Amino acid sequence: MKNISNTLHTKVHDWIDGIGFRLNTSQTNIKSHITTNHYFFETFNFFEKEKQDHPESTKFLCFDAYGEKINVKSLLDLQEAFFENISQLK
């Protein structure tokens, strides 16, 4: 399972770097060593929660075009939400 999560973390970061997402904010909880990163591109936002030195436990969260929360379990989940959101722009 550790390899799958590491792969998801790597795939997501490779993809967002390719698209041109920007890091909006980053907050670290000193006690729990959890960093929350907020990324955006145009009107699409998503969050990444990662524990220091444990990329395998990283969680991603985004919202669909209707504002519904989507827990990202694969790169495809994130891409679907992103392209649906971008297609709504006029």
N, C-alpha and C. Protein backbone atom coordinates (compact mmCIF):
# COMPACT_ATOMS: atom_id res chain seq x y z
N MET A 1 0.83 -1.20 0.00
CA MET A 1 0.00 0.00 0.00
C MET A 1 0.87 1.26 0.00
N LYS A 2 2.01 1.20 0.67
CA LYS A 2 2.89 2.35 0.74
C LYS A 2 3.33 2.79 -0.65
N ASN A 3 3.66 1.83 -1.52
CA ASN A 3 4.09 2.16 -2.87
C ASN A 3 2.99 2.80 -3.69
N ILE A 4 1.76 2.36 -3.50
CA ILE A 4 0.63 2.94 -4.23
C ILE A 4 0.46 4.40 -3.85
N SER A 5 0.49 4.70 -2.56
CA SER A 5 0.32 6.07 -2.11
C SER A 5 1.48 6.95 -2.56
N ASN A 6 2.69 6.46 -2.48
CA ASN A 6 3.82 7.23 -2.97
C ASN A 6 3.67 7.53 -4.44
N THR A 7 3.20 6.56 -5.19
CA THR A 7 2.99 6.75 -6.61
C THR A 7 1.91 7.79 -6.87
N LEU A 8 0.80 7.77 -6.11
CA LEU A 8 -0.26 8.77 -6.27
C LEU A 8 0.30 10.16 -5.98
N HIS A 9 1.05 10.30 -4.91
CA HIS A 9 1.64 11.58 -4.54
C HIS A 9 2.52 12.10 -5.67
N THR A 10 3.36 11.24 -6.20
CA THR A 10 4.26 11.62 -7.29
C THR A 10 3.49 11.96 -8.55
N LYS A 11 2.50 11.13 -8.91
CA LYS A 11 1.71 11.39 -10.12
C LYS A 11 0.96 12.71 -10.03
N VAL A 12 0.36 12.98 -8.89
CA VAL A 12 -0.39 14.23 -8.71
C VAL A 12 0.55 15.42 -8.84
N HIS A 13 1.70 15.36 -8.20
CA HIS A 13 2.62 16.49 -8.28
C HIS A 13 3.22 16.66 -9.67
N ASP A 14 3.49 15.59 -10.37
CA ASP A 14 3.95 15.70 -11.75
C ASP A 14 2.88 16.36 -12.62
N TRP A 15 1.62 15.96 -12.42
CA TRP A 15 0.52 16.49 -13.22
C TRP A 15 0.29 17.97 -12.92
N ILE A 16 0.23 18.34 -11.64
CA ILE A 16 -0.04 19.75 -11.32
C ILE A 16 1.11 20.66 -11.76
N ASP A 17 2.33 20.14 -11.74
CA ASP A 17 3.46 20.91 -12.25
C ASP A 17 3.32 21.12 -13.76
N GLY A 18 2.85 20.10 -14.46
CA GLY A 18 2.67 20.19 -15.91
C GLY A 18 1.56 21.14 -16.31
N ILE A 19 0.48 21.15 -15.54
CA ILE A 19 -0.66 22.03 -15.84
C ILE A 19 -0.32 23.47 -15.49
N GLY A 20 0.41 23.66 -14.42
CA GLY A 20 0.77 25.02 -13.99
C GLY A 20 0.01 25.48 -12.76
N PHE A 21 -0.35 24.55 -11.89
CA PHE A 21 -1.01 24.93 -10.64
C PHE A 21 -0.06 25.78 -9.81
N ARG A 22 -0.65 26.65 -9.01
CA ARG A 22 0.15 27.48 -8.11
C ARG A 22 -0.19 27.13 -6.67
N LEU A 23 0.82 27.18 -5.83
CA LEU A 23 0.61 26.98 -4.40
C LEU A 23 0.11 28.30 -3.84
N ASN A 24 -1.11 28.30 -3.29
CA ASN A 24 -1.72 29.50 -2.76
C ASN A 24 -1.28 29.72 -1.31
N THR A 25 -1.48 28.72 -0.48
CA THR A 25 -1.08 28.82 0.93
C THR A 25 -0.55 27.47 1.39
N SER A 26 0.23 27.53 2.44
CA SER A 26 0.74 26.33 3.06
C SER A 26 0.78 26.58 4.56
N GLN A 27 0.14 25.70 5.32
CA GLN A 27 0.11 25.84 6.78
C GLN A 27 0.59 24.54 7.39
N THR A 28 1.44 24.65 8.41
CA THR A 28 1.94 23.47 9.10
C THR A 28 1.53 23.52 10.56
N ASN A 29 0.94 22.40 11.01
CA ASN A 29 0.62 22.24 12.41
C ASN A 29 1.87 21.67 13.07
N ILE A 30 2.46 22.46 13.93
CA ILE A 30 3.73 22.09 14.57
C ILE A 30 3.59 20.82 15.41
N LYS A 31 2.49 20.69 16.13
CA LYS A 31 2.32 19.53 17.03
C LYS A 31 2.14 18.23 16.27
N SER A 32 1.31 18.24 15.23
CA SER A 32 1.03 16.99 14.51
C SER A 32 1.94 16.78 13.30
N HIS A 33 2.73 17.80 12.96
CA HIS A 33 3.63 17.74 11.80
C HIS A 33 2.88 17.50 10.50
N ILE A 34 1.66 18.04 10.41
CA ILE A 34 0.86 17.92 9.19
C ILE A 34 0.84 19.26 8.48
N THR A 35 1.17 19.22 7.20
CA THR A 35 1.16 20.42 6.36
C THR A 35 -0.03 20.35 5.42
N THR A 36 -0.78 21.44 5.36
CA THR A 36 -1.90 21.56 4.44
C THR A 36 -1.52 22.57 3.36
N ASN A 37 -1.50 22.10 2.12
CA ASN A 37 -1.19 22.95 0.97
C ASN A 37 -2.46 23.19 0.17
N HIS A 38 -2.66 24.44 -0.24
CA HIS A 38 -3.81 24.81 -1.06
C HIS A 38 -3.28 25.22 -2.43
N TYR A 39 -3.68 24.47 -3.46
CA TYR A 39 -3.26 24.74 -4.83
C TYR A 39 -4.45 25.26 -5.64
N PHE A 40 -4.16 26.09 -6.65
CA PHE A 40 -5.24 26.56 -7.52
C PHE A 40 -4.76 26.76 -8.95
N PHE A 41 -5.74 26.72 -9.85
CA PHE A 41 -5.52 27.02 -11.26
C PHE A 41 -6.86 27.54 -11.78
N GLU A 42 -6.87 28.78 -12.24
CA GLU A 42 -8.11 29.43 -12.70
C GLU A 42 -9.15 29.39 -11.59
N THR A 43 -10.22 28.62 -11.77
CA THR A 43 -11.28 28.55 -10.76
C THR A 43 -11.25 27.24 -9.98
N PHE A 44 -10.24 26.43 -10.20
CA PHE A 44 -10.18 25.11 -9.55
C PHE A 44 -9.20 25.14 -8.39
N ASN A 45 -9.65 24.63 -7.25
CA ASN A 45 -8.84 24.58 -6.04
C ASN A 45 -8.80 23.15 -5.51
N PHE A 46 -7.68 22.79 -4.92
CA PHE A 46 -7.65 21.53 -4.19
C PHE A 46 -6.65 21.61 -3.05
N PHE A 47 -6.82 20.72 -2.11
CA PHE A 47 -6.01 20.71 -0.89
C PHE A 47 -5.23 19.41 -0.78
N GLU A 48 -4.06 19.53 -0.19
CA GLU A 48 -3.21 18.38 0.06
C GLU A 48 -2.81 18.42 1.53
N LYS A 49 -3.03 17.32 2.23
CA LYS A 49 -2.59 17.20 3.61
C LYS A 49 -1.54 16.13 3.67
N GLU A 50 -0.35 16.51 4.14
CA GLU A 50 0.73 15.53 4.21
C GLU A 50 1.41 15.59 5.55
N LYS A 51 1.77 14.42 6.03
CA LYS A 51 2.52 14.33 7.28
C LYS A 51 4.01 14.37 6.95
N GLN A 52 4.74 15.13 7.73
CA GLN A 52 6.17 15.31 7.49
C GLN A 52 6.88 13.96 7.35
N ASP A 53 7.63 13.80 6.28
CA ASP A 53 8.42 12.60 5.99
C ASP A 53 7.58 11.35 5.74
N HIS A 54 6.28 11.51 5.46
CA HIS A 54 5.41 10.36 5.17
C HIS A 54 4.52 10.66 3.97
N PRO A 55 5.10 10.74 2.76
CA PRO A 55 4.26 11.04 1.59
C PRO A 55 3.22 9.96 1.31
N GLU A 56 3.44 8.76 1.83
CA GLU A 56 2.46 7.69 1.60
C GLU A 56 1.14 7.94 2.30
N SER A 57 1.12 8.83 3.29
CA SER A 57 -0.12 9.12 4.01
C SER A 57 -0.78 10.41 3.54
N THR A 58 -0.31 10.95 2.42
CA THR A 58 -0.86 12.20 1.89
C THR A 58 -2.31 12.00 1.44
N LYS A 59 -3.15 12.97 1.77
CA LYS A 59 -4.56 12.96 1.38
C LYS A 59 -4.81 14.18 0.49
N PHE A 60 -5.60 13.98 -0.57
CA PHE A 60 -5.97 15.06 -1.46
C PHE A 60 -7.48 15.25 -1.40
N LEU A 61 -7.92 16.50 -1.49
CA LEU A 61 -9.33 16.83 -1.45
C LEU A 61 -9.59 17.94 -2.45
N CYS A 62 -10.65 17.77 -3.26
CA CYS A 62 -11.02 18.83 -4.18
C CYS A 62 -12.55 18.91 -4.22
N PHE A 63 -13.07 19.80 -5.04
CA PHE A 63 -14.50 20.01 -5.14
C PHE A 63 -14.90 19.95 -6.61
N ASP A 64 -16.07 19.37 -6.89
CA ASP A 64 -16.53 19.31 -8.27
C ASP A 64 -17.16 20.65 -8.66
N ALA A 65 -17.69 20.73 -9.87
CA ALA A 65 -18.27 21.97 -10.38
C ALA A 65 -19.48 22.43 -9.58
N TYR A 66 -20.09 21.54 -8.82
CA TYR A 66 -21.26 21.87 -8.02
C TYR A 66 -20.92 22.13 -6.56
N GLY A 67 -19.64 22.12 -6.24
CA GLY A 67 -19.19 22.39 -4.88
C GLY A 67 -19.20 21.18 -3.96
N GLU A 68 -19.43 20.01 -4.54
CA GLU A 68 -19.42 18.79 -3.73
C GLU A 68 -17.99 18.34 -3.47
N LYS A 69 -17.73 17.89 -2.26
CA LYS A 69 -16.40 17.44 -1.87
C LYS A 69 -16.07 16.10 -2.52
N ILE A 70 -14.84 16.00 -3.04
CA ILE A 70 -14.36 14.76 -3.65
C ILE A 70 -13.06 14.36 -2.96
N ASN A 71 -13.05 13.20 -2.33
CA ASN A 71 -11.81 12.65 -1.81
C ASN A 71 -11.08 12.00 -2.97
N VAL A 72 -9.88 12.46 -3.25
CA VAL A 72 -9.12 11.99 -4.40
C VAL A 72 -8.40 10.69 -4.04
N LYS A 73 -8.78 9.63 -4.72
CA LYS A 73 -8.15 8.33 -4.49
C LYS A 73 -7.26 7.92 -5.65
N SER A 74 -7.36 8.68 -6.76
CA SER A 74 -6.52 8.42 -7.92
C SER A 74 -6.31 9.73 -8.67
N LEU A 75 -5.33 9.75 -9.52
CA LEU A 75 -5.08 10.94 -10.33
C LEU A 75 -6.29 11.23 -11.22
N LEU A 76 -6.96 10.19 -11.67
CA LEU A 76 -8.13 10.35 -12.52
C LEU A 76 -9.24 11.12 -11.81
N ASP A 77 -9.45 10.88 -10.51
CA ASP A 77 -10.45 11.63 -9.74
C ASP A 77 -10.16 13.13 -9.80
N LEU A 78 -8.92 13.48 -9.60
CA LEU A 78 -8.52 14.89 -9.62
C LEU A 78 -8.67 15.47 -11.02
N GLN A 79 -8.25 14.73 -12.03
CA GLN A 79 -8.34 15.21 -13.41
C GLN A 79 -9.79 15.40 -13.84
N GLU A 80 -10.66 14.48 -13.49
CA GLU A 80 -12.08 14.61 -13.85
C GLU A 80 -12.69 15.86 -13.25
N ALA A 81 -12.43 16.09 -11.96
CA ALA A 81 -12.97 17.27 -11.29
C ALA A 81 -12.39 18.54 -11.93
N PHE A 82 -11.11 18.53 -12.24
CA PHE A 82 -10.46 19.69 -12.83
C PHE A 82 -11.05 20.02 -14.20
N PHE A 83 -11.13 19.03 -15.08
CA PHE A 83 -11.60 19.30 -16.44
C PHE A 83 -13.10 19.64 -16.46
N GLU A 84 -13.86 19.08 -15.55
CA GLU A 84 -15.27 19.45 -15.45
C GLU A 84 -15.38 20.91 -15.01
N ASN A 85 -14.57 21.31 -14.06
CA ASN A 85 -14.59 22.68 -13.57
C ASN A 85 -14.17 23.64 -14.67
N ILE A 86 -13.08 23.34 -15.36
CA ILE A 86 -12.56 24.21 -16.41
C ILE A 86 -13.55 24.31 -17.58
N SER A 87 -14.27 23.22 -17.87
CA SER A 87 -15.23 23.26 -18.98
C SER A 87 -16.42 24.17 -18.68
N GLN A 88 -16.64 24.49 -17.42
CA GLN A 88 -17.73 25.38 -17.05
C GLN A 88 -17.40 26.86 -17.28
N LEU A 89 -16.12 27.16 -17.51
CA LEU A 89 -15.71 28.55 -17.75
C LEU A 89 -16.17 29.00 -19.13
N LYS A 90 -16.60 30.22 -19.22
CA LYS A 90 -17.03 30.76 -20.51
C LYS A 90 -16.36 32.07 -20.79
